[in-house]
N, C-alpha and C. Protein backbone atom coordinates (compact mmCIF):
# COMPACT_ATOMS: atom_id res chain seq x y z
N MET A 1 3.97 134.67 -128.29
CA MET A 1 4.47 134.18 -127.04
C MET A 1 4.60 135.34 -126.05
N GLU A 2 4.35 135.04 -124.81
CA GLU A 2 4.50 136.06 -123.77
C GLU A 2 5.55 135.60 -122.77
N ASN A 3 6.26 136.57 -122.18
CA ASN A 3 7.25 136.24 -121.17
C ASN A 3 6.56 135.70 -119.93
N VAL A 4 7.01 134.55 -119.45
CA VAL A 4 6.40 133.94 -118.26
C VAL A 4 7.34 133.93 -117.06
N SER A 5 8.63 134.16 -117.30
CA SER A 5 9.57 134.28 -116.18
C SER A 5 10.82 135.00 -116.66
N LYS A 6 11.59 135.45 -115.71
CA LYS A 6 12.84 136.14 -116.02
C LYS A 6 13.97 135.45 -115.28
N PHE A 7 15.17 135.60 -115.81
CA PHE A 7 16.35 135.06 -115.14
C PHE A 7 17.50 136.02 -115.38
N LYS A 8 18.55 135.82 -114.60
CA LYS A 8 19.72 136.67 -114.73
C LYS A 8 20.96 135.78 -114.83
N GLY A 9 21.82 136.10 -115.76
CA GLY A 9 23.09 135.42 -115.87
C GLY A 9 23.02 134.05 -116.52
N LEU A 10 24.19 133.48 -116.73
CA LEU A 10 24.30 132.18 -117.36
C LEU A 10 23.67 131.09 -116.51
N ASN A 11 23.86 131.15 -115.21
CA ASN A 11 23.27 130.14 -114.35
C ASN A 11 21.75 130.16 -114.45
N GLY A 12 21.15 131.33 -114.48
CA GLY A 12 19.70 131.44 -114.64
C GLY A 12 19.24 130.86 -115.96
N ASN A 13 20.03 131.06 -117.00
CA ASN A 13 19.76 130.52 -118.33
C ASN A 13 19.73 128.99 -118.27
N ILE A 14 20.70 128.41 -117.61
CA ILE A 14 20.80 126.96 -117.50
C ILE A 14 19.67 126.39 -116.64
N VAL A 15 19.36 127.06 -115.55
CA VAL A 15 18.27 126.60 -114.67
C VAL A 15 16.94 126.62 -115.43
N ALA A 16 16.71 127.66 -116.22
CA ALA A 16 15.47 127.74 -117.01
C ALA A 16 15.39 126.55 -117.98
N PHE A 17 16.51 126.20 -118.60
CA PHE A 17 16.54 125.06 -119.51
C PHE A 17 16.26 123.76 -118.76
N LYS A 18 16.93 123.56 -117.64
CA LYS A 18 16.72 122.34 -116.85
C LYS A 18 15.26 122.17 -116.46
N GLU A 19 14.62 123.25 -116.12
CA GLU A 19 13.20 123.20 -115.73
C GLU A 19 12.33 122.78 -116.91
N GLU A 20 12.65 123.29 -118.09
CA GLU A 20 11.84 122.98 -119.29
C GLU A 20 12.00 121.54 -119.76
N VAL A 21 13.14 120.91 -119.48
CA VAL A 21 13.38 119.55 -119.97
C VAL A 21 13.33 118.51 -118.87
N LYS A 22 12.83 118.88 -117.71
CA LYS A 22 12.90 117.98 -116.54
C LYS A 22 12.27 116.61 -116.78
N ASN A 23 11.25 116.50 -117.58
CA ASN A 23 10.58 115.22 -117.80
C ASN A 23 11.08 114.47 -119.04
N ALA A 24 12.01 115.05 -119.75
CA ALA A 24 12.52 114.43 -120.99
C ALA A 24 13.57 113.37 -120.66
N GLU A 25 13.65 112.38 -121.54
CA GLU A 25 14.71 111.38 -121.43
C GLU A 25 15.86 111.70 -122.40
N LYS A 26 15.50 112.30 -123.55
CA LYS A 26 16.50 112.54 -124.59
C LYS A 26 16.25 113.90 -125.24
N ILE A 27 17.36 114.60 -125.47
CA ILE A 27 17.31 115.93 -126.07
C ILE A 27 18.21 115.94 -127.30
N THR A 28 17.68 116.43 -128.41
CA THR A 28 18.51 116.63 -129.60
C THR A 28 18.65 118.12 -129.82
N PHE A 29 19.90 118.58 -129.75
CA PHE A 29 20.24 119.97 -130.02
C PHE A 29 20.53 120.09 -131.51
N VAL A 30 20.04 121.17 -132.11
CA VAL A 30 20.28 121.43 -133.53
C VAL A 30 20.88 122.82 -133.63
N GLY A 31 22.07 122.90 -134.23
CA GLY A 31 22.74 124.19 -134.34
C GLY A 31 23.81 124.18 -135.40
N MET A 32 24.40 125.32 -135.56
CA MET A 32 25.46 125.47 -136.55
C MET A 32 26.80 125.08 -135.91
N PRO A 33 27.74 124.60 -136.75
CA PRO A 33 29.04 124.20 -136.20
C PRO A 33 29.78 125.43 -135.65
N GLY A 34 30.64 125.17 -134.72
CA GLY A 34 31.44 126.26 -134.16
C GLY A 34 30.77 126.85 -132.94
N VAL A 35 30.09 127.94 -133.10
CA VAL A 35 29.52 128.66 -131.96
C VAL A 35 28.40 127.88 -131.26
N CYS A 36 27.53 127.23 -131.98
CA CYS A 36 26.41 126.51 -131.35
C CYS A 36 26.86 125.25 -130.61
N THR A 37 27.89 124.60 -131.12
CA THR A 37 28.33 123.33 -130.52
C THR A 37 28.69 123.48 -129.05
N PRO A 38 29.51 124.46 -128.64
CA PRO A 38 29.83 124.56 -127.21
C PRO A 38 28.62 124.92 -126.35
N PHE A 39 27.67 125.66 -126.91
CA PHE A 39 26.46 125.95 -126.14
C PHE A 39 25.66 124.67 -125.93
N ALA A 40 25.55 123.84 -126.96
CA ALA A 40 24.86 122.56 -126.81
C ALA A 40 25.56 121.72 -125.75
N GLU A 41 26.90 121.70 -125.76
CA GLU A 41 27.65 120.94 -124.76
C GLU A 41 27.43 121.49 -123.36
N LEU A 42 27.35 122.81 -123.23
CA LEU A 42 27.09 123.42 -121.93
C LEU A 42 25.71 123.04 -121.40
N PHE A 43 24.70 123.16 -122.23
CA PHE A 43 23.35 122.80 -121.79
C PHE A 43 23.25 121.29 -121.54
N ALA A 44 23.93 120.48 -122.35
CA ALA A 44 23.93 119.03 -122.14
C ALA A 44 24.60 118.68 -120.81
N TYR A 45 25.62 119.42 -120.43
CA TYR A 45 26.28 119.17 -119.15
C TYR A 45 25.29 119.40 -118.00
N ALA A 46 24.49 120.42 -118.13
CA ALA A 46 23.52 120.75 -117.07
C ALA A 46 22.48 119.64 -116.88
N VAL A 47 22.26 118.83 -117.93
CA VAL A 47 21.28 117.73 -117.86
C VAL A 47 21.98 116.42 -118.23
N ARG A 48 23.16 116.23 -117.69
CA ARG A 48 23.99 115.08 -118.08
C ARG A 48 23.41 113.73 -117.67
N ASP A 49 22.33 113.74 -116.88
CA ASP A 49 21.63 112.50 -116.57
C ASP A 49 20.70 112.07 -117.70
N LYS A 50 20.58 112.91 -118.72
CA LYS A 50 19.73 112.61 -119.88
C LYS A 50 20.62 112.33 -121.09
N GLU A 51 20.06 111.63 -122.07
CA GLU A 51 20.79 111.40 -123.31
C GLU A 51 20.71 112.66 -124.16
N SER A 52 21.85 113.08 -124.71
CA SER A 52 21.89 114.27 -125.55
C SER A 52 22.57 113.97 -126.88
N VAL A 53 22.07 114.64 -127.92
CA VAL A 53 22.56 114.46 -129.29
C VAL A 53 22.71 115.84 -129.91
N PHE A 54 23.65 115.98 -130.85
CA PHE A 54 23.82 117.24 -131.58
C PHE A 54 23.76 116.97 -133.08
N ILE A 55 22.97 117.78 -133.78
CA ILE A 55 22.88 117.74 -135.24
C ILE A 55 23.45 119.06 -135.75
N THR A 56 24.34 118.96 -136.73
CA THR A 56 24.92 120.14 -137.35
C THR A 56 24.01 120.62 -138.47
N GLY A 57 23.53 121.85 -138.33
CA GLY A 57 22.64 122.41 -139.35
C GLY A 57 21.43 121.53 -139.56
N LEU A 58 21.14 121.21 -140.79
CA LEU A 58 19.98 120.36 -141.11
C LEU A 58 20.39 118.95 -141.52
N ASP A 59 21.67 118.62 -141.31
CA ASP A 59 22.20 117.33 -141.73
C ASP A 59 21.91 116.25 -140.69
N ILE A 60 20.78 115.58 -140.85
CA ILE A 60 20.35 114.57 -139.88
C ILE A 60 21.38 113.44 -139.76
N THR A 61 22.16 113.22 -140.81
CA THR A 61 23.18 112.16 -140.76
C THR A 61 24.38 112.55 -139.90
N SER A 62 24.45 113.81 -139.49
CA SER A 62 25.56 114.28 -138.65
C SER A 62 25.31 114.04 -137.17
N ALA A 63 24.17 113.46 -136.81
CA ALA A 63 23.79 113.30 -135.40
C ALA A 63 24.87 112.55 -134.62
N LYS A 64 25.34 113.19 -133.56
CA LYS A 64 26.38 112.62 -132.69
C LYS A 64 25.93 112.71 -131.24
N LYS A 65 26.28 111.70 -130.46
CA LYS A 65 26.02 111.75 -129.02
C LYS A 65 26.87 112.86 -128.41
N ILE A 66 26.34 113.47 -127.36
CA ILE A 66 27.12 114.38 -126.54
C ILE A 66 27.33 113.65 -125.22
N GLU A 67 28.58 113.35 -124.92
CA GLU A 67 28.87 112.52 -123.75
C GLU A 67 29.86 113.21 -122.82
N LEU A 68 29.74 112.87 -121.53
CA LEU A 68 30.66 113.38 -120.53
C LEU A 68 31.97 112.61 -120.64
N THR A 69 33.06 113.33 -120.82
CA THR A 69 34.40 112.75 -120.90
C THR A 69 35.25 113.42 -119.82
N PRO A 70 36.47 112.97 -119.62
CA PRO A 70 37.35 113.65 -118.67
C PRO A 70 37.63 115.11 -119.05
N HIS A 71 37.36 115.47 -120.31
CA HIS A 71 37.59 116.83 -120.79
C HIS A 71 36.30 117.65 -120.84
N GLY A 72 35.22 117.13 -120.31
CA GLY A 72 33.94 117.81 -120.37
C GLY A 72 33.02 117.12 -121.35
N MET A 73 31.96 117.79 -121.73
CA MET A 73 31.00 117.25 -122.68
C MET A 73 31.59 117.38 -124.08
N GLN A 74 31.55 116.26 -124.83
CA GLN A 74 32.10 116.27 -126.18
C GLN A 74 31.25 115.41 -127.10
N LEU A 75 31.29 115.75 -128.39
CA LEU A 75 30.61 114.94 -129.39
C LEU A 75 31.37 113.63 -129.52
N SER A 76 30.61 112.53 -129.69
CA SER A 76 31.27 111.24 -129.83
C SER A 76 30.69 110.49 -131.01
N GLU A 77 30.18 109.31 -130.77
CA GLU A 77 29.73 108.41 -131.84
C GLU A 77 28.41 108.83 -132.47
N ASP A 78 28.12 108.23 -133.62
CA ASP A 78 26.84 108.47 -134.30
C ASP A 78 25.69 108.15 -133.36
N ALA A 79 24.57 108.84 -133.57
CA ALA A 79 23.42 108.66 -132.68
C ALA A 79 22.11 108.74 -133.45
N ASP A 80 21.10 108.13 -132.88
CA ASP A 80 19.73 108.26 -133.39
C ASP A 80 19.22 109.63 -132.91
N PRO A 81 18.79 110.51 -133.82
CA PRO A 81 18.37 111.85 -133.41
C PRO A 81 16.96 111.95 -132.84
N GLN A 82 16.16 110.88 -132.92
CA GLN A 82 14.78 110.94 -132.38
C GLN A 82 14.83 111.30 -130.90
N ALA A 83 14.03 112.29 -130.47
CA ALA A 83 14.11 112.76 -129.09
C ALA A 83 12.78 113.30 -128.59
N ASP A 84 12.69 113.38 -127.27
CA ASP A 84 11.53 113.97 -126.59
C ASP A 84 11.54 115.49 -126.71
N VAL A 85 12.75 116.05 -126.79
CA VAL A 85 12.92 117.50 -126.90
C VAL A 85 13.86 117.80 -128.06
N VAL A 86 13.45 118.73 -128.91
CA VAL A 86 14.34 119.27 -129.92
C VAL A 86 14.66 120.69 -129.47
N ALA A 87 15.95 120.93 -129.23
CA ALA A 87 16.41 122.25 -128.78
C ALA A 87 17.12 122.93 -129.94
N LEU A 88 16.48 123.94 -130.50
CA LEU A 88 17.06 124.68 -131.61
C LEU A 88 17.91 125.81 -131.07
N LEU A 89 19.15 125.89 -131.53
CA LEU A 89 20.05 126.95 -131.10
C LEU A 89 19.94 128.13 -132.05
N GLY A 90 20.05 129.32 -131.49
CA GLY A 90 19.79 130.55 -132.24
C GLY A 90 20.62 130.75 -133.48
N GLY A 91 21.81 130.19 -133.53
CA GLY A 91 22.66 130.35 -134.71
C GLY A 91 22.03 129.86 -135.99
N LEU A 92 21.08 128.94 -135.88
CA LEU A 92 20.37 128.46 -137.06
C LEU A 92 19.64 129.59 -137.79
N SER A 93 19.17 130.56 -137.02
CA SER A 93 18.33 131.62 -137.59
C SER A 93 19.13 132.81 -138.11
N MET A 94 20.43 132.78 -137.94
CA MET A 94 21.24 133.90 -138.41
C MET A 94 21.31 133.90 -139.94
N PRO A 95 21.27 135.07 -140.56
CA PRO A 95 21.30 135.13 -142.03
C PRO A 95 22.47 134.37 -142.66
N LYS A 96 23.64 134.40 -142.03
CA LYS A 96 24.80 133.72 -142.62
C LYS A 96 24.66 132.20 -142.61
N SER A 97 23.71 131.68 -141.82
CA SER A 97 23.47 130.23 -141.82
C SER A 97 22.77 129.79 -143.10
N ASN A 98 22.05 130.72 -143.72
CA ASN A 98 21.41 130.47 -145.00
C ASN A 98 20.44 129.29 -144.96
N LEU A 99 19.69 129.17 -143.87
CA LEU A 99 18.72 128.09 -143.73
C LEU A 99 17.31 128.64 -143.88
N LYS A 100 16.44 127.84 -144.43
CA LYS A 100 15.04 128.21 -144.57
C LYS A 100 14.27 127.63 -143.40
N VAL A 101 13.38 128.41 -142.84
CA VAL A 101 12.60 127.96 -141.69
C VAL A 101 11.75 126.74 -142.05
N GLU A 102 11.31 126.64 -143.31
CA GLU A 102 10.53 125.48 -143.74
C GLU A 102 11.35 124.20 -143.60
N ASP A 103 12.64 124.29 -143.93
CA ASP A 103 13.52 123.13 -143.83
C ASP A 103 13.76 122.75 -142.37
N VAL A 104 13.83 123.74 -141.51
CA VAL A 104 13.99 123.48 -140.07
C VAL A 104 12.73 122.78 -139.54
N ASN A 105 11.56 123.26 -139.96
CA ASN A 105 10.31 122.60 -139.54
C ASN A 105 10.25 121.16 -140.05
N ASP A 106 10.74 120.90 -141.25
CA ASP A 106 10.78 119.53 -141.78
C ASP A 106 11.69 118.65 -140.93
N LEU A 107 12.83 119.19 -140.51
CA LEU A 107 13.75 118.42 -139.66
C LEU A 107 13.09 118.11 -138.31
N ILE A 108 12.44 119.09 -137.74
CA ILE A 108 11.75 118.87 -136.46
C ILE A 108 10.75 117.73 -136.60
N ALA A 109 9.98 117.74 -137.68
CA ALA A 109 8.97 116.70 -137.90
C ALA A 109 9.59 115.31 -137.98
N LYS A 110 10.82 115.23 -138.48
CA LYS A 110 11.50 113.93 -138.61
C LYS A 110 12.05 113.41 -137.29
N ILE A 111 12.44 114.30 -136.38
CA ILE A 111 13.14 113.83 -135.18
C ILE A 111 12.38 113.97 -133.87
N LEU A 112 11.34 114.78 -133.84
CA LEU A 112 10.60 114.98 -132.59
C LEU A 112 9.61 113.85 -132.37
N LYS A 113 9.71 113.21 -131.21
CA LYS A 113 8.77 112.16 -130.86
C LYS A 113 7.40 112.76 -130.61
N LYS A 114 6.37 111.95 -130.81
CA LYS A 114 5.00 112.39 -130.56
C LYS A 114 4.91 112.90 -129.13
N GLU A 115 4.19 113.95 -128.92
CA GLU A 115 4.06 114.59 -127.60
C GLU A 115 5.36 115.23 -127.14
N GLY A 116 6.30 115.45 -128.06
CA GLY A 116 7.57 116.06 -127.72
C GLY A 116 7.46 117.57 -127.60
N LYS A 117 8.59 118.17 -127.33
CA LYS A 117 8.65 119.60 -127.04
C LYS A 117 9.74 120.25 -127.90
N VAL A 118 9.45 121.43 -128.45
CA VAL A 118 10.42 122.20 -129.21
C VAL A 118 10.80 123.43 -128.39
N ILE A 119 12.10 123.53 -128.10
CA ILE A 119 12.61 124.64 -127.30
C ILE A 119 13.60 125.44 -128.14
N GLY A 120 13.50 126.75 -128.07
CA GLY A 120 14.47 127.62 -128.70
C GLY A 120 15.46 128.10 -127.65
N LEU A 121 16.74 128.01 -127.95
CA LEU A 121 17.79 128.51 -127.06
C LEU A 121 18.54 129.59 -127.82
N SER A 122 18.36 130.84 -127.40
CA SER A 122 18.99 131.92 -128.15
C SER A 122 19.43 133.05 -127.23
N TYR A 123 20.17 133.95 -127.82
CA TYR A 123 20.60 135.17 -127.15
C TYR A 123 20.23 136.35 -128.03
N MET A 124 19.95 137.45 -127.41
CA MET A 124 19.67 138.70 -128.12
C MET A 124 18.48 138.57 -129.08
N GLU A 125 17.49 137.76 -128.71
CA GLU A 125 16.24 137.60 -129.46
C GLU A 125 16.45 137.20 -130.93
N MET A 126 17.36 136.26 -131.13
CA MET A 126 17.69 135.84 -132.50
C MET A 126 16.49 135.28 -133.25
N PHE A 127 15.68 134.45 -132.59
CA PHE A 127 14.53 133.86 -133.29
C PHE A 127 13.50 134.93 -133.62
N LYS A 128 13.30 135.87 -132.71
CA LYS A 128 12.35 136.96 -132.96
C LYS A 128 12.84 137.84 -134.11
N ALA A 129 14.13 138.16 -134.12
CA ALA A 129 14.69 139.01 -135.18
C ALA A 129 14.53 138.36 -136.56
N ALA A 130 14.63 137.04 -136.60
CA ALA A 130 14.49 136.32 -137.88
C ALA A 130 13.03 136.02 -138.23
N GLY A 131 12.11 136.28 -137.29
CA GLY A 131 10.70 135.97 -137.52
C GLY A 131 10.36 134.51 -137.28
N TRP A 132 11.33 133.74 -136.81
CA TRP A 132 11.10 132.30 -136.60
C TRP A 132 10.19 132.03 -135.41
N ASP A 133 10.09 132.98 -134.50
CA ASP A 133 9.21 132.78 -133.33
C ASP A 133 7.75 132.63 -133.77
N LYS A 134 7.43 133.11 -134.95
CA LYS A 134 6.06 132.99 -135.48
C LYS A 134 5.93 131.84 -136.48
N GLU A 135 7.05 131.30 -136.96
CA GLU A 135 7.01 130.27 -137.99
C GLU A 135 7.35 128.86 -137.50
N ILE A 136 7.87 128.77 -136.29
CA ILE A 136 8.15 127.47 -135.68
C ILE A 136 7.26 127.34 -134.47
N ASN A 137 6.70 126.16 -134.29
CA ASN A 137 5.78 125.94 -133.17
C ASN A 137 6.57 125.63 -131.89
N PHE A 138 7.24 126.66 -131.37
CA PHE A 138 8.01 126.52 -130.14
C PHE A 138 7.08 126.30 -128.95
N ASP A 139 7.45 125.38 -128.09
CA ASP A 139 6.77 125.27 -126.80
C ASP A 139 7.27 126.36 -125.87
N CYS A 140 8.54 126.71 -126.03
CA CYS A 140 9.09 127.86 -125.31
C CYS A 140 10.38 128.29 -125.98
N ILE A 141 10.72 129.54 -125.75
CA ILE A 141 12.01 130.09 -126.16
C ILE A 141 12.69 130.60 -124.91
N ILE A 142 13.91 130.14 -124.69
CA ILE A 142 14.71 130.63 -123.57
C ILE A 142 15.73 131.57 -124.20
N ASN A 143 15.56 132.84 -123.94
CA ASN A 143 16.39 133.87 -124.56
C ASN A 143 17.18 134.61 -123.50
N GLY A 144 18.47 134.70 -123.72
CA GLY A 144 19.33 135.46 -122.82
C GLY A 144 19.78 136.74 -123.49
N THR A 145 20.12 137.71 -122.67
CA THR A 145 20.64 138.97 -123.16
C THR A 145 22.04 139.15 -122.61
N LEU A 146 22.97 139.37 -123.50
CA LEU A 146 24.35 139.52 -123.10
C LEU A 146 24.70 141.00 -123.00
N THR A 147 25.26 141.37 -121.91
CA THR A 147 25.80 142.72 -121.76
C THR A 147 27.20 142.55 -121.20
N GLY A 148 28.01 143.52 -121.40
CA GLY A 148 29.36 143.39 -120.88
C GLY A 148 30.18 144.63 -121.13
N TYR A 149 31.44 144.53 -120.75
CA TYR A 149 32.36 145.64 -120.98
C TYR A 149 33.78 145.09 -120.99
N VAL A 150 34.68 145.89 -121.47
CA VAL A 150 36.10 145.60 -121.43
C VAL A 150 36.74 146.62 -120.51
N ALA A 151 37.51 146.15 -119.57
CA ALA A 151 38.20 147.07 -118.65
C ALA A 151 39.70 146.90 -118.82
N LYS A 152 40.43 147.99 -118.72
CA LYS A 152 41.90 147.93 -118.81
C LYS A 152 42.49 148.75 -117.69
């Protein structure tokens, strides 16, 4: 894969995602519980006119709708995970997740609609570090780089 555009900040990250999913009706986010869930909710908020679903790890039976509530985007009732876009969150590729890329590819095959799109959403080149960028047929990877400091 080659870099085709650059962005800066969280807003740029979200805009890049919105552009990639603009023609989709439904997006299924797949990630690990805890850290990935709020990122899925954040990206789902940016495209709240579309149907969004979250799957925890590789457990297809865990599929839940992500819906706008008075408290923001939250997981709600059970959902059908079949979608136009499968958005894999970088936490899946972390060693502590203990997932095999072959199993992730099997999950994608079960939930991605024909002519669908696979998007990677990561920070700090997580998919590249795990080698998944070469083992998953991503249509694109949206990767952010976090920098920061603590001031006192």
